[in-house]
Amino acid sequence: MGRYCGNNLPAPMTTSGNMLYVKFVSDSTVSSAGFRATWDVGCKLAGAVFHSFFIEDIY
């Protein structure tokens, strides 16, 4: 994965497993909203890919 700071957004990440762990660390010098995470869940069936609705929230 990597370490991401400030307003530099990482590229989209993909996992083949059923979990993705995110650790948010703040040094408390800036009071702000934190981070935003979006995810999409999909499964393959008979050559087609079905996706769930995009779920987005601010954490």
Protein backbone atom coordinates (compact mmCIF):
# COMPACT_ATOMS: atom_id res chain seq x y z
CA MET A 1 0.00 0.00 0.00
CA GLY A 2 1.97 2.95 1.21
CA ARG A 3 1.99 6.08 3.30
CA TYR A 4 -0.02 9.06 2.06
CA CYS A 5 0.14 12.56 3.52
CA GLY A 6 -1.55 15.87 2.86
CA ASN A 7 -3.67 16.33 -0.25
CA ASN A 8 -1.76 13.78 -2.37
CA LEU A 9 -4.29 11.12 -3.33
CA PRO A 10 -3.14 7.52 -3.85
CA ALA A 11 -4.05 5.58 -6.98
CA PRO A 12 -7.05 3.22 -6.67
CA MET A 13 -6.22 0.02 -4.78
CA THR A 14 -7.53 -3.47 -5.45
CA THR A 15 -7.55 -6.49 -3.17
CA SER A 16 -8.48 -10.04 -4.10
CA GLY A 17 -9.37 -10.83 -0.50
CA ASN A 18 -12.39 -9.93 1.55
CA MET A 19 -10.68 -7.24 3.67
CA LEU A 20 -8.53 -4.14 3.29
CA TYR A 21 -6.96 -2.65 6.43
CA VAL A 22 -6.53 1.13 6.66
CA LYS A 23 -4.68 2.77 9.53
CA PHE A 24 -5.30 6.51 9.99
CA VAL A 25 -2.69 8.37 12.04
CA SER A 26 -2.87 12.04 13.03
CA ASP A 27 -0.34 14.11 14.94
CA SER A 28 -3.13 16.44 16.15
CA THR A 29 -1.38 19.60 14.90
CA VAL A 30 -4.17 20.27 12.37
CA SER A 31 -7.89 20.09 13.07
CA SER A 32 -9.61 18.86 9.91
CA ALA A 33 -12.07 16.29 8.57
CA GLY A 34 -9.70 13.29 8.39
CA PHE A 35 -10.05 11.14 5.28
CA ARG A 36 -12.64 9.92 2.80
CA ALA A 37 -12.94 6.30 1.73
CA THR A 38 -14.94 4.86 -1.15
CA TRP A 39 -15.22 1.22 -2.12
CA ASP A 40 -16.89 -0.96 -4.68
CA VAL A 41 -17.72 -4.64 -4.27
CA GLY A 42 -17.95 -6.91 -7.27
CA CYS A 43 -18.19 -10.58 -8.11
CA LYS A 44 -17.68 -12.48 -11.32
CA LEU A 45 -20.43 -14.76 -12.57
CA ALA A 46 -20.53 -16.51 -15.96
CA GLY A 47 -18.14 -14.03 -17.58
CA ALA A 48 -19.98 -10.93 -16.32
CA VAL A 49 -19.04 -8.62 -13.48
CA PHE A 50 -21.76 -7.31 -11.17
CA HIS A 51 -21.04 -4.38 -8.89
CA SER A 52 -22.81 -3.03 -5.84
CA PHE A 53 -23.73 0.62 -5.43
CA PHE A 54 -20.90 2.98 -4.62
CA ILE A 55 -20.75 3.55 -0.87
CA GLU A 56 -19.04 6.72 0.31
CA ASP A 57 -18.59 8.32 3.68
CA ILE A 58 -16.22 10.65 5.50
CA TYR A 59 -14.36 9.19 8.49
